[in-house]
Amino acid sequence: MVLYGIVLFMAALFYFLLTKALVRIHGNESVVVKAVGNDFKEKISLFIYSAALVSSFFIPYLGFALYFVVAIIWLIPDRRVERTINE
């Protein structure tokens, strides 16, 4: 569970950093910023992954449940990019 959590946390961290780098490169008024917009999912995923990673050391089932919660969060469609392209 811990190794799985490390992989998931690192993937989420680098996705978050990638979006921040794209926003910085393209400026605050670009289409990229409008498409990325609110990064709530990214931030909450990082928080839950870090909590799951720590809890996996002590209660592996809780870690698994938290990893599952993040998967459910990301199954909810995120229409930011499609909405921005259609504008």
C-alpha atoms as a PDB file:
ATOM      1  CA  MET A   1       0.000   0.000   0.000  1.00  0.00           C
ATOM      2  CA  VAL A   2       2.811   2.411   0.819  1.00  0.00           C
ATOM      3  CA  LEU A   3       4.631   1.895  -2.484  1.00  0.00           C
ATOM      4  CA  TYR A   4       1.373   2.247  -4.387  1.00  0.00           C
ATOM      5  CA  GLY A   5       0.718   5.465  -2.494  1.00  0.00           C
ATOM      6  CA  ILE A   6       4.140   6.831  -3.337  1.00  0.00           C
ATOM      7  CA  VAL A   7       3.522   6.242  -7.037  1.00  0.00           C
ATOM      8  CA  LEU A   8       0.081   7.851  -6.902  1.00  0.00           C
ATOM      9  CA  PHE A   9       1.305  10.815  -4.862  1.00  0.00           C
ATOM     10  CA  MET A  10       4.222  11.463  -7.219  1.00  0.00           C
ATOM     11  CA  ALA A  11       1.955  11.275 -10.284  1.00  0.00           C
ATOM     12  CA  ALA A  12      -0.475  13.747  -8.703  1.00  0.00           C
ATOM     13  CA  LEU A  13       2.348  16.037  -7.602  1.00  0.00           C
ATOM     14  CA  PHE A  14       3.920  16.203 -11.046  1.00  0.00           C
ATOM     15  CA  TYR A  15       0.534  16.717 -12.715  1.00  0.00           C
ATOM     16  CA  PHE A  16      -0.054  19.650 -10.360  1.00  0.00           C
ATOM     17  CA  LEU A  17       3.417  21.053 -11.109  1.00  0.00           C
ATOM     18  CA  LEU A  18       2.861  20.609 -14.844  1.00  0.00           C
ATOM     19  CA  THR A  19      -0.353  22.608 -14.769  1.00  0.00           C
ATOM     20  CA  LYS A  20       1.327  25.350 -12.723  1.00  0.00           C
ATOM     21  CA  ALA A  21       4.212  25.501 -15.215  1.00  0.00           C
ATOM     22  CA  LEU A  22       1.809  25.729 -18.161  1.00  0.00           C
ATOM     23  CA  VAL A  23      -0.063  28.571 -16.496  1.00  0.00           C
ATOM     24  CA  ARG A  24       3.192  30.408 -15.771  1.00  0.00           C
ATOM     25  CA  ILE A  25       4.452  29.983 -19.338  1.00  0.00           C
ATOM     26  CA  HIS A  26       1.231  31.031 -21.073  1.00  0.00           C
ATOM     27  CA  GLY A  27       0.288  33.949 -18.831  1.00  0.00           C
ATOM     28  CA  ASN A  28      -2.811  34.743 -16.812  1.00  0.00           C
ATOM     29  CA  GLU A  29      -5.047  35.663 -19.750  1.00  0.00           C
ATOM     30  CA  SER A  30      -4.418  32.607 -21.917  1.00  0.00           C
ATOM     31  CA  VAL A  31      -6.771  29.824 -22.918  1.00  0.00           C
ATOM     32  CA  VAL A  32      -4.722  27.411 -20.816  1.00  0.00           C
ATOM     33  CA  VAL A  33      -5.486  29.347 -17.640  1.00  0.00           C
ATOM     34  CA  LYS A  34      -9.181  29.388 -18.496  1.00  0.00           C
ATOM     35  CA  ALA A  35      -9.121  25.655 -19.201  1.00  0.00           C
ATOM     36  CA  VAL A  36      -7.236  24.737 -16.044  1.00  0.00           C
ATOM     37  CA  GLY A  37      -9.003  27.328 -13.918  1.00  0.00           C
ATOM     38  CA  ASN A  38      -9.827  26.105 -10.447  1.00  0.00           C
ATOM     39  CA  ASP A  39      -7.387  23.389  -9.447  1.00  0.00           C
ATOM     40  CA  PHE A  40      -9.475  22.062  -6.557  1.00  0.00           C
ATOM     41  CA  LYS A  41      -9.284  18.435  -7.702  1.00  0.00           C
ATOM     42  CA  GLU A  42      -5.513  18.554  -7.950  1.00  0.00           C
ATOM     43  CA  LYS A  43      -5.079  20.064  -4.496  1.00  0.00           C
ATOM     44  CA  ILE A  44      -7.568  17.792  -2.756  1.00  0.00           C
ATOM     45  CA  SER A  45      -6.009  14.758  -4.465  1.00  0.00           C
ATOM     46  CA  LEU A  46      -2.571  15.678  -3.173  1.00  0.00           C
ATOM     47  CA  PHE A  47      -3.948  16.138   0.330  1.00  0.00           C
ATOM     48  CA  ILE A  48      -5.841  12.825   0.322  1.00  0.00           C
ATOM     49  CA  TYR A  49      -2.892  10.956  -1.198  1.00  0.00           C
ATOM     50  CA  SER A  50      -0.567  12.261   1.495  1.00  0.00           C
ATOM     51  CA  ALA A  51      -3.067  11.288   4.214  1.00  0.00           C
ATOM     52  CA  ALA A  52      -3.478   7.856   2.628  1.00  0.00           C
ATOM     53  CA  LEU A  53       0.266   7.398   2.386  1.00  0.00           C
ATOM     54  CA  VAL A  54       0.770   8.100   6.080  1.00  0.00           C
ATOM     55  CA  SER A  55      -2.209   6.010   7.144  1.00  0.00           C
ATOM     56  CA  SER A  56      -1.020   3.079   5.008  1.00  0.00           C
ATOM     57  CA  PHE A  57       1.851   2.551   7.419  1.00  0.00           C
ATOM     58  CA  PHE A  58      -0.557   1.950  10.300  1.00  0.00           C
ATOM     59  CA  ILE A  59      -3.952   1.027   8.825  1.00  0.00           C
ATOM     60  CA  PRO A  60      -3.546  -0.291   5.262  1.00  0.00           C
ATOM     61  CA  TYR A  61      -7.298  -0.596   4.700  1.00  0.00           C
ATOM     62  CA  LEU A  62      -7.773   3.093   5.463  1.00  0.00           C
ATOM     63  CA  GLY A  63      -5.048   3.952   2.962  1.00  0.00           C
ATOM     64  CA  PHE A  64      -6.775   1.830   0.353  1.00  0.00           C
ATOM     65  CA  ALA A  65     -10.108   3.525   1.076  1.00  0.00           C
ATOM     66  CA  LEU A  66      -8.550   6.963   0.655  1.00  0.00           C
ATOM     67  CA  TYR A  67      -6.915   5.959  -2.641  1.00  0.00           C
ATOM     68  CA  PHE A  68     -10.354   4.793  -3.756  1.00  0.00           C
ATOM     69  CA  VAL A  69     -11.891   8.136  -2.776  1.00  0.00           C
ATOM     70  CA  VAL A  70      -9.460   9.972  -5.060  1.00  0.00           C
ATOM     71  CA  ALA A  71     -10.314   7.602  -7.906  1.00  0.00           C
ATOM     72  CA  ILE A  72     -14.001   8.364  -7.419  1.00  0.00           C
ATOM     73  CA  ILE A  73     -13.272  12.101  -7.395  1.00  0.00           C
ATOM     74  CA  TRP A  74     -11.515  11.822 -10.754  1.00  0.00           C
ATOM     75  CA  LEU A  75     -14.268   9.644 -12.247  1.00  0.00           C
ATOM     76  CA  ILE A  76     -16.563  12.651 -12.035  1.00  0.00           C
ATOM     77  CA  PRO A  77     -16.131  14.300 -15.447  1.00  0.00           C
ATOM     78  CA  ASP A  78     -14.134  17.508 -15.508  1.00  0.00           C
ATOM     79  CA  ARG A  79     -15.473  19.626 -18.343  1.00  0.00           C
ATOM     80  CA  ARG A  80     -13.129  22.605 -17.961  1.00  0.00           C
ATOM     81  CA  VAL A  81     -11.130  21.963 -21.123  1.00  0.00           C
ATOM     82  CA  GLU A  82     -14.142  21.101 -23.288  1.00  0.00           C
ATOM     83  CA  ARG A  83     -16.045  24.163 -22.068  1.00  0.00           C
ATOM     84  CA  THR A  84     -13.116  26.448 -22.805  1.00  0.00           C
ATOM     85  CA  ILE A  85     -12.566  25.027 -26.294  1.00  0.00           C
ATOM     86  CA  ASN A  86     -16.246  25.426 -27.152  1.00  0.00           C
ATOM     87  CA  GLU A  87     -16.269  29.125 -26.141  1.00  0.00           C
END
